[in-house]
Amino acid sequence: GKPNSALARQLLREQLEDGGWNCEAQLESPKRPRSTRSSFHTTMCVLEGLLDYERAVGKSAAVTRARKREENYLLERGMFRSLRSGEVIDQRWLRFSFPTFWHYDVLRGLDYLRNAGIKPDRRISDAIEIVSKRRHQNGRWPLNLLHPERIPLQMETGVASASRWNTLRALRVLRWYNNS
């Protein structure tokens, strides 16, 4: 509930060379080498955390610089594509959930950019198209999947049903994109 400067400094030290983060970058075991490639899941969680941190304590040149590198990491990949091949990294990222917990999806990534006040550019056009195409005839966005994590209250109706939260997030993202 309170800003944690020690945690923010640790996250800044752990930013990987490609601009993002990976929770397995700090873990090393005989069975698994330390990761050197960023994870969209971890990167998204850190981005949201650093943005909230800056809003709570004020701008920090180091945090802003780290966020910009991280945002560029996502934008260079069109929010869901491999930098090398251009292929979709994970088809599940094209399906929207709520709550997202630690999982990444295109809608979550775009909603972060909107919330951070990033000006949309051509690099997100494919991701915006995915959001638009997911809209059902009733004008709402469905809950496409539920993650195994649980919370003690029901947030949504069920998979394939209209999702209030996905609809809200999608409408905010499309308004942000169309008004830019």
Protein backbone atom coordinates (compact mmCIF):
# COMPACT_ATOMS: atom_id res chain seq x y z
CA GLY A 1 0.00 0.00 0.00
CA LYS A 2 3.00 2.33 0.26
CA PRO A 3 5.73 3.10 -2.29
CA ASN A 4 8.81 0.95 -1.75
CA SER A 5 11.98 2.68 -2.95
CA ALA A 6 14.18 -0.33 -2.20
CA LEU A 7 12.01 -2.50 -4.45
CA ALA A 8 12.04 0.13 -7.20
CA ARG A 9 15.86 0.29 -7.07
CA GLN A 10 16.08 -3.51 -7.19
CA LEU A 11 13.81 -3.64 -10.25
CA LEU A 12 15.93 -1.03 -12.00
CA ARG A 13 19.06 -3.13 -11.34
CA GLU A 14 17.34 -6.23 -12.72
CA GLN A 15 16.27 -4.75 -16.07
CA LEU A 16 17.60 -6.99 -18.82
CA GLU A 17 19.62 -5.88 -21.79
CA ASP A 18 16.64 -6.18 -24.18
CA GLY A 19 14.70 -3.66 -22.09
CA GLY A 20 12.29 -5.86 -20.17
CA TRP A 21 12.31 -8.13 -17.14
CA ASN A 22 12.01 -11.83 -16.43
CA CYS A 23 11.29 -13.31 -13.01
CA GLU A 24 13.60 -16.20 -13.90
CA ALA A 25 16.52 -13.88 -14.67
CA GLN A 26 17.51 -13.94 -11.01
CA LEU A 27 16.95 -17.68 -10.55
CA GLU A 28 19.66 -20.12 -11.41
CA SER A 29 19.70 -23.83 -10.73
CA PRO A 30 21.60 -26.82 -12.04
CA LYS A 31 18.54 -27.76 -14.12
CA ARG A 32 17.81 -24.31 -15.51
CA PRO A 33 20.22 -21.56 -16.51
CA ARG A 34 19.48 -17.94 -15.64
CA SER A 35 17.20 -16.34 -18.24
CA THR A 36 18.60 -13.49 -20.33
CA ARG A 37 15.45 -12.86 -22.38
CA SER A 38 12.58 -10.76 -21.12
CA SER A 39 9.14 -12.16 -20.39
CA PHE A 40 6.04 -10.25 -21.49
CA HIS A 41 4.31 -11.41 -18.29
CA THR A 42 7.01 -10.10 -15.95
CA THR A 43 7.65 -7.01 -18.05
CA MET A 44 3.98 -6.03 -17.88
CA CYS A 45 3.83 -6.47 -14.12
CA VAL A 46 6.97 -4.37 -13.62
CA LEU A 47 5.72 -1.67 -16.01
CA GLU A 48 2.48 -1.30 -14.07
CA GLY A 49 4.36 -1.27 -10.78
CA LEU A 50 6.88 1.36 -11.86
CA LEU A 51 4.12 3.58 -13.26
CA ASP A 52 2.23 3.38 -9.96
CA TYR A 53 5.48 4.02 -8.08
CA GLU A 54 6.18 7.18 -10.09
CA ARG A 55 2.65 8.40 -9.57
CA ALA A 56 2.97 7.87 -5.83
CA VAL A 57 6.41 9.44 -5.25
CA GLY A 58 6.85 11.72 -8.26
CA LYS A 59 8.90 11.48 -11.41
CA SER A 60 12.29 9.82 -11.26
CA ALA A 61 14.67 10.06 -14.21
CA ALA A 62 15.91 6.49 -13.65
CA VAL A 63 12.41 5.01 -13.38
CA THR A 64 11.13 6.96 -16.37
CA ARG A 65 14.13 5.86 -18.44
CA ALA A 66 13.55 2.21 -17.44
CA ARG A 67 9.84 2.44 -18.26
CA LYS A 68 10.58 3.99 -21.68
CA ARG A 69 13.01 1.16 -22.50
CA GLU A 70 10.43 -1.36 -21.38
CA GLU A 71 7.62 0.29 -23.33
CA ASN A 72 9.83 0.25 -26.40
CA TYR A 73 10.41 -3.48 -25.80
CA LEU A 74 6.67 -4.07 -26.18
CA LEU A 75 6.18 -1.61 -29.05
CA GLU A 76 9.05 -3.04 -31.11
CA ARG A 77 7.27 -6.38 -30.92
CA GLY A 78 3.88 -4.94 -31.86
CA MET A 79 2.65 -5.96 -28.39
CA PHE A 80 2.64 -9.71 -29.19
CA ARG A 81 5.12 -10.71 -31.91
CA SER A 82 8.58 -12.21 -31.94
CA LEU A 83 11.21 -9.64 -32.77
CA ARG A 84 13.12 -12.18 -34.89
CA SER A 85 10.34 -13.91 -36.84
CA GLY A 86 7.36 -11.56 -36.53
CA GLU A 87 5.22 -14.55 -35.52
CA VAL A 88 2.69 -14.45 -32.68
CA ILE A 89 4.63 -15.44 -29.56
CA ASP A 90 1.67 -16.96 -27.70
CA GLN A 91 -1.87 -17.33 -29.09
CA ARG A 92 -3.30 -17.00 -25.56
CA TRP A 93 -2.19 -13.34 -25.58
CA LEU A 94 -4.84 -12.69 -28.23
CA ARG A 95 -7.56 -13.83 -25.82
CA PHE A 96 -8.65 -11.57 -22.99
CA SER A 97 -9.08 -12.46 -19.34
CA PHE A 98 -10.08 -10.70 -16.17
CA PRO A 99 -8.66 -10.58 -13.65
CA THR A 100 -5.34 -10.94 -15.43
CA PHE A 101 -3.28 -11.73 -12.31
CA TRP A 102 0.33 -11.97 -13.59
CA HIS A 103 -0.62 -13.04 -17.12
CA TYR A 104 -0.02 -10.85 -20.15
CA ASP A 105 -2.47 -10.30 -22.99
CA VAL A 106 -2.71 -7.72 -25.77
CA LEU A 107 -5.59 -5.85 -24.12
CA ARG A 108 -3.65 -5.55 -20.86
CA GLY A 109 -0.61 -4.22 -22.71
CA LEU A 110 -2.63 -1.66 -24.66
CA ASP A 111 -4.51 -0.59 -21.55
CA TYR A 112 -1.18 0.04 -19.85
CA LEU A 113 -0.03 2.27 -22.74
CA ARG A 114 -3.29 4.20 -22.51
CA ASN A 115 -2.98 4.58 -18.75
CA ALA A 116 0.64 5.73 -19.07
CA GLY A 117 -0.36 8.41 -21.59
CA ILE A 118 1.70 6.95 -24.43
CA LYS A 119 0.82 8.37 -27.83
CA PRO A 120 -0.29 5.49 -30.09
CA ASP A 121 1.71 4.85 -33.23
CA ARG A 122 1.66 2.42 -36.16
CA ARG A 123 3.44 -0.29 -34.13
CA ILE A 124 0.23 -1.08 -32.26
CA SER A 125 -2.12 -1.16 -35.25
CA ASP A 126 -2.21 -4.99 -35.40
CA ALA A 127 -2.89 -5.16 -31.66
CA ILE A 128 -5.73 -2.63 -31.99
CA GLU A 129 -7.18 -4.70 -34.83
CA ILE A 130 -7.19 -7.76 -32.57
CA VAL A 131 -9.12 -5.82 -29.91
CA SER A 132 -11.63 -4.60 -32.51
CA LYS A 133 -12.15 -8.07 -33.97
CA ARG A 134 -12.79 -9.62 -30.55
CA ARG A 135 -15.93 -7.49 -30.13
CA HIS A 136 -19.13 -9.51 -30.31
CA GLN A 137 -22.24 -8.53 -32.25
CA ASN A 138 -23.83 -7.34 -29.01
CA GLY A 139 -21.12 -4.66 -28.80
CA ARG A 140 -19.35 -6.24 -25.85
CA TRP A 141 -16.11 -8.13 -25.45
CA PRO A 142 -16.22 -11.65 -24.03
CA LEU A 143 -14.22 -13.24 -21.29
CA ASN A 144 -12.01 -15.50 -23.40
CA LEU A 145 -10.26 -17.40 -20.64
CA LEU A 146 -9.93 -17.72 -16.90
CA HIS A 147 -6.56 -18.22 -15.24
CA PRO A 148 -6.14 -20.88 -12.55
CA GLU A 149 -5.51 -18.33 -9.79
CA ARG A 150 -8.55 -17.68 -7.66
CA ILE A 151 -9.92 -14.77 -5.68
CA PRO A 152 -12.67 -15.09 -3.08
CA LEU A 153 -15.32 -13.33 -5.15
CA GLN A 154 -16.75 -13.80 -8.60
CA MET A 155 -15.47 -11.10 -10.96
CA GLU A 156 -17.05 -12.34 -14.18
CA THR A 157 -19.90 -14.51 -15.39
CA GLY A 158 -18.07 -17.17 -17.39
CA VAL A 159 -15.89 -17.89 -20.38
CA ALA A 160 -17.49 -16.83 -23.69
CA SER A 161 -19.98 -14.57 -21.90
CA ALA A 162 -19.92 -10.80 -22.18
CA SER A 163 -17.33 -9.37 -19.82
CA ARG A 164 -17.97 -6.02 -18.16
CA TRP A 165 -14.27 -5.59 -17.39
CA ASN A 166 -12.96 -6.57 -20.83
CA THR A 167 -15.60 -4.34 -22.43
CA LEU A 168 -14.59 -1.40 -20.24
CA ARG A 169 -10.88 -1.90 -20.95
CA ALA A 170 -11.44 -2.41 -24.70
CA LEU A 171 -13.63 0.69 -25.01
CA ARG A 172 -11.05 2.80 -23.15
CA VAL A 173 -8.24 1.48 -25.39
CA LEU A 174 -10.17 2.11 -28.62
CA ARG A 175 -11.19 5.61 -27.49
CA TRP A 176 -7.54 6.39 -26.66
CA TYR A 177 -6.37 5.05 -30.00
CA ASN A 178 -9.07 6.79 -32.08
CA ASN A 179 -8.63 10.13 -30.29
CA SER A 180 -4.88 10.29 -30.85
